[in-house]
Amino acid sequence: MESNKSLIGCPSCGGTGFSGRIGVFECLYVSNAIRKLLFQETPVQFIREQAHKEGMESLLEDGIQKVRKGLTTMKEIASLSSDMPMPMPNEVLN
């Protein structure tokens, strides 16, 4: 899912059309429900599901929003982490 914008690059940006850095973030608010899951030593996938239900935006989702805004590319977001948990595609791309 590359941006529809045409990128114009130069040697100083490596031909990408971008320079500098932007942050890509996720932040987990430990609600009572999540706290309970943590104390029960619930597998991380279920904790992530609960966090997502409560509105947490994953690192990947934040990155994709920044791609849509033209701030970065999917290639850069994909390079963040090969072990990054992947949400369901229909949840991210809608």
N, C-alpha and C. Protein backbone atom coordinates (compact mmCIF):
# COMPACT_ATOMS: atom_id res chain seq x y z
N MET A 1 0.85 -1.17 0.00
CA MET A 1 0.00 0.00 0.00
C MET A 1 0.89 1.23 0.00
N GLU A 2 1.43 1.57 -1.12
CA GLU A 2 2.25 2.77 -1.23
C GLU A 2 1.34 3.99 -1.36
N SER A 3 1.84 5.11 -0.94
CA SER A 3 1.10 6.36 -1.04
C SER A 3 0.87 6.70 -2.50
N ASN A 4 -0.24 7.36 -2.80
CA ASN A 4 -0.52 7.80 -4.16
C ASN A 4 0.35 8.97 -4.58
N LYS A 5 1.03 9.58 -3.64
CA LYS A 5 1.86 10.73 -3.94
C LYS A 5 3.12 10.28 -4.67
N SER A 6 3.53 11.04 -5.67
CA SER A 6 4.79 10.75 -6.35
C SER A 6 5.92 11.30 -5.51
N LEU A 7 6.88 10.44 -5.23
CA LEU A 7 8.02 10.86 -4.44
C LEU A 7 9.11 11.40 -5.35
N ILE A 8 9.65 12.52 -4.98
CA ILE A 8 10.76 13.11 -5.72
C ILE A 8 11.96 13.03 -4.82
N GLY A 9 12.97 12.32 -5.28
CA GLY A 9 14.13 12.12 -4.43
C GLY A 9 15.37 12.82 -4.95
N CYS A 10 16.36 12.87 -4.10
CA CYS A 10 17.65 13.45 -4.44
C CYS A 10 18.72 12.67 -3.68
N PRO A 11 19.98 12.93 -3.94
CA PRO A 11 21.03 12.21 -3.23
C PRO A 11 20.99 12.38 -1.71
N SER A 12 20.58 13.56 -1.23
CA SER A 12 20.60 13.77 0.22
C SER A 12 19.51 12.97 0.95
N CYS A 13 18.46 12.57 0.24
CA CYS A 13 17.42 11.76 0.89
C CYS A 13 17.46 10.31 0.41
N GLY A 14 18.47 9.98 -0.36
CA GLY A 14 18.59 8.61 -0.85
C GLY A 14 17.54 8.25 -1.88
N GLY A 15 16.97 9.25 -2.54
CA GLY A 15 15.98 9.01 -3.57
C GLY A 15 14.60 8.66 -3.04
N THR A 16 14.36 8.87 -1.76
CA THR A 16 13.07 8.49 -1.17
C THR A 16 12.04 9.60 -1.18
N GLY A 17 12.50 10.84 -1.21
CA GLY A 17 11.58 11.96 -1.07
C GLY A 17 11.35 12.35 0.38
N PHE A 18 12.02 11.67 1.30
CA PHE A 18 11.88 11.93 2.74
C PHE A 18 13.24 12.21 3.35
N SER A 19 13.24 12.99 4.41
CA SER A 19 14.47 13.16 5.19
C SER A 19 14.07 13.34 6.65
N GLY A 20 14.98 13.08 7.53
CA GLY A 20 14.69 13.21 8.96
C GLY A 20 14.02 11.96 9.50
N ARG A 21 13.48 12.10 10.69
CA ARG A 21 12.85 10.97 11.38
C ARG A 21 11.49 11.38 11.93
N ILE A 22 10.62 10.40 12.03
CA ILE A 22 9.34 10.59 12.72
C ILE A 22 9.18 9.44 13.70
N GLY A 23 8.44 9.66 14.73
CA GLY A 23 8.20 8.60 15.70
C GLY A 23 7.00 7.75 15.31
N VAL A 24 7.11 6.47 15.61
CA VAL A 24 6.00 5.53 15.45
C VAL A 24 5.81 4.92 16.84
N PHE A 25 4.59 5.01 17.37
CA PHE A 25 4.38 4.68 18.77
C PHE A 25 3.21 3.74 19.01
N GLU A 26 3.27 3.05 20.14
CA GLU A 26 2.11 2.41 20.73
C GLU A 26 2.23 2.59 22.23
N CYS A 27 1.09 2.70 22.87
CA CYS A 27 1.08 2.91 24.32
C CYS A 27 -0.04 2.07 24.91
N LEU A 28 0.31 1.24 25.88
CA LEU A 28 -0.67 0.37 26.52
C LEU A 28 -1.12 0.99 27.83
N TYR A 29 -2.41 1.31 27.91
CA TYR A 29 -3.01 1.75 29.16
C TYR A 29 -3.43 0.48 29.91
N VAL A 30 -2.95 0.32 31.12
CA VAL A 30 -3.26 -0.89 31.89
C VAL A 30 -4.58 -0.67 32.64
N SER A 31 -5.65 -1.06 31.97
CA SER A 31 -6.99 -0.97 32.57
C SER A 31 -7.16 -2.10 33.58
N ASN A 32 -8.28 -2.09 34.27
CA ASN A 32 -8.55 -3.18 35.22
C ASN A 32 -8.62 -4.53 34.51
N ALA A 33 -9.24 -4.55 33.32
CA ALA A 33 -9.35 -5.80 32.56
C ALA A 33 -7.96 -6.31 32.15
N ILE A 34 -7.11 -5.43 31.69
CA ILE A 34 -5.76 -5.83 31.28
C ILE A 34 -4.94 -6.22 32.50
N ARG A 35 -5.10 -5.50 33.58
CA ARG A 35 -4.39 -5.85 34.83
C ARG A 35 -4.74 -7.28 35.26
N LYS A 36 -6.02 -7.61 35.17
CA LYS A 36 -6.47 -8.96 35.53
C LYS A 36 -5.81 -10.01 34.64
N LEU A 37 -5.75 -9.74 33.33
CA LEU A 37 -5.11 -10.67 32.40
C LEU A 37 -3.63 -10.83 32.72
N LEU A 38 -2.98 -9.74 33.07
CA LEU A 38 -1.55 -9.80 33.42
C LEU A 38 -1.32 -10.65 34.67
N PHE A 39 -2.14 -10.46 35.69
CA PHE A 39 -2.00 -11.24 36.93
C PHE A 39 -2.28 -12.72 36.70
N GLN A 40 -3.12 -13.01 35.71
CA GLN A 40 -3.44 -14.41 35.38
C GLN A 40 -2.40 -15.02 34.44
N GLU A 41 -1.37 -14.23 34.09
CA GLU A 41 -0.31 -14.67 33.17
C GLU A 41 -0.89 -15.15 31.83
N THR A 42 -1.84 -14.38 31.34
CA THR A 42 -2.50 -14.65 30.06
C THR A 42 -1.50 -14.45 28.92
N PRO A 43 -1.54 -15.30 27.88
CA PRO A 43 -0.65 -15.11 26.73
C PRO A 43 -0.83 -13.71 26.11
N VAL A 44 0.27 -13.18 25.64
CA VAL A 44 0.31 -11.80 25.15
C VAL A 44 -0.71 -11.53 24.04
N GLN A 45 -0.99 -12.52 23.20
CA GLN A 45 -1.93 -12.29 22.10
C GLN A 45 -3.32 -11.90 22.64
N PHE A 46 -3.72 -12.47 23.78
CA PHE A 46 -5.03 -12.14 24.35
C PHE A 46 -5.01 -10.76 25.03
N ILE A 47 -3.87 -10.42 25.58
CA ILE A 47 -3.73 -9.08 26.18
C ILE A 47 -3.79 -8.03 25.07
N ARG A 48 -3.12 -8.30 23.95
CA ARG A 48 -3.17 -7.38 22.80
C ARG A 48 -4.60 -7.24 22.28
N GLU A 49 -5.32 -8.36 22.19
CA GLU A 49 -6.71 -8.31 21.73
C GLU A 49 -7.55 -7.42 22.64
N GLN A 50 -7.39 -7.58 23.94
CA GLN A 50 -8.14 -6.76 24.89
C GLN A 50 -7.76 -5.29 24.75
N ALA A 51 -6.47 -5.02 24.63
CA ALA A 51 -6.01 -3.64 24.47
C ALA A 51 -6.59 -3.02 23.20
N HIS A 52 -6.64 -3.79 22.13
CA HIS A 52 -7.19 -3.29 20.87
C HIS A 52 -8.68 -2.99 21.03
N LYS A 53 -9.40 -3.87 21.74
CA LYS A 53 -10.83 -3.64 22.01
C LYS A 53 -11.03 -2.34 22.78
N GLU A 54 -10.06 -2.02 23.64
CA GLU A 54 -10.14 -0.80 24.46
C GLU A 54 -9.61 0.43 23.73
N GLY A 55 -9.21 0.26 22.47
CA GLY A 55 -8.80 1.41 21.68
C GLY A 55 -7.32 1.61 21.48
N MET A 56 -6.50 0.67 21.96
CA MET A 56 -5.06 0.82 21.75
C MET A 56 -4.72 0.69 20.27
N GLU A 57 -3.88 1.57 19.81
CA GLU A 57 -3.39 1.54 18.44
C GLU A 57 -2.01 0.90 18.45
N SER A 58 -1.83 -0.14 17.64
CA SER A 58 -0.55 -0.84 17.62
C SER A 58 0.51 -0.01 16.90
N LEU A 59 1.73 -0.44 17.04
CA LEU A 59 2.86 0.19 16.35
C LEU A 59 2.61 0.17 14.84
N LEU A 60 2.15 -0.95 14.33
CA LEU A 60 1.87 -1.08 12.90
C LEU A 60 0.75 -0.14 12.48
N GLU A 61 -0.32 -0.07 13.26
CA GLU A 61 -1.43 0.82 12.91
C GLU A 61 -1.00 2.28 12.89
N ASP A 62 -0.18 2.69 13.86
CA ASP A 62 0.33 4.06 13.88
C ASP A 62 1.19 4.31 12.64
N GLY A 63 2.01 3.33 12.29
CA GLY A 63 2.85 3.46 11.10
C GLY A 63 2.03 3.59 9.83
N ILE A 64 0.99 2.78 9.70
CA ILE A 64 0.14 2.84 8.50
C ILE A 64 -0.57 4.18 8.41
N GLN A 65 -1.00 4.73 9.53
CA GLN A 65 -1.60 6.08 9.50
C GLN A 65 -0.59 7.09 8.96
N LYS A 66 0.67 6.95 9.33
CA LYS A 66 1.70 7.89 8.87
C LYS A 66 2.01 7.69 7.39
N VAL A 67 1.86 6.45 6.90
CA VAL A 67 1.99 6.21 5.46
C VAL A 67 0.86 6.92 4.73
N ARG A 68 -0.36 6.78 5.22
CA ARG A 68 -1.52 7.42 4.60
C ARG A 68 -1.40 8.94 4.56
N LYS A 69 -0.74 9.50 5.57
CA LYS A 69 -0.53 10.95 5.61
C LYS A 69 0.64 11.39 4.74
N GLY A 70 1.34 10.43 4.13
CA GLY A 70 2.47 10.76 3.28
C GLY A 70 3.75 11.08 4.04
N LEU A 71 3.83 10.67 5.31
CA LEU A 71 5.00 10.98 6.12
C LEU A 71 6.11 9.95 5.99
N THR A 72 5.78 8.75 5.52
CA THR A 72 6.76 7.67 5.38
C THR A 72 6.25 6.66 4.37
N THR A 73 6.95 5.56 4.22
CA THR A 73 6.56 4.51 3.27
C THR A 73 6.29 3.21 4.00
N MET A 74 5.56 2.30 3.34
CA MET A 74 5.33 0.98 3.93
C MET A 74 6.64 0.23 4.09
N LYS A 75 7.58 0.45 3.20
CA LYS A 75 8.88 -0.21 3.32
C LYS A 75 9.54 0.16 4.65
N GLU A 76 9.48 1.43 5.02
CA GLU A 76 10.06 1.86 6.30
C GLU A 76 9.32 1.26 7.48
N ILE A 77 8.00 1.24 7.40
CA ILE A 77 7.21 0.68 8.50
C ILE A 77 7.48 -0.81 8.64
N ALA A 78 7.57 -1.51 7.52
CA ALA A 78 7.84 -2.95 7.55
C ALA A 78 9.22 -3.25 8.14
N SER A 79 10.13 -2.31 8.02
CA SER A 79 11.49 -2.54 8.52
C SER A 79 11.62 -2.30 10.03
N LEU A 80 10.56 -1.83 10.68
CA LEU A 80 10.63 -1.54 12.11
C LEU A 80 10.98 -2.77 12.93
N SER A 81 10.31 -3.86 12.65
CA SER A 81 10.55 -5.07 13.44
C SER A 81 9.95 -6.27 12.74
N SER A 82 10.76 -7.29 12.56
CA SER A 82 10.25 -8.50 11.92
C SER A 82 9.40 -9.31 12.88
N ASP A 83 9.53 -9.09 14.18
CA ASP A 83 8.73 -9.85 15.14
C ASP A 83 7.57 -9.03 15.71
N MET A 84 7.23 -7.93 15.03
CA MET A 84 6.13 -7.09 15.48
C MET A 84 4.82 -7.87 15.33
N PRO A 85 4.00 -7.97 16.37
CA PRO A 85 2.71 -8.65 16.24
C PRO A 85 1.86 -7.97 15.18
N MET A 86 1.28 -8.76 14.33
CA MET A 86 0.49 -8.22 13.23
C MET A 86 -1.00 -8.32 13.56
N PRO A 87 -1.71 -7.20 13.54
CA PRO A 87 -3.16 -7.25 13.74
C PRO A 87 -3.84 -7.81 12.50
N MET A 88 -5.10 -8.08 12.61
CA MET A 88 -5.85 -8.57 11.46
C MET A 88 -5.84 -7.51 10.37
N PRO A 89 -5.53 -7.90 9.10
CA PRO A 89 -5.41 -6.91 8.01
C PRO A 89 -6.65 -6.04 7.84
N ASN A 90 -7.85 -6.61 7.95
CA ASN A 90 -9.05 -5.79 7.74
C ASN A 90 -9.21 -4.74 8.83
N GLU A 91 -8.66 -4.98 10.02
CA GLU A 91 -8.73 -3.98 11.09
C GLU A 91 -7.78 -2.82 10.83
N VAL A 92 -6.64 -3.11 10.22
CA VAL A 92 -5.61 -2.10 9.99
C VAL A 92 -5.93 -1.26 8.77
N LEU A 93 -6.37 -1.89 7.70
CA LEU A 93 -6.50 -1.20 6.43
C LEU A 93 -7.82 -0.48 6.25
N ASN A 94 -8.76 -0.66 7.13
CA ASN A 94 -10.05 0.04 7.01
C ASN A 94 -10.01 1.39 7.65
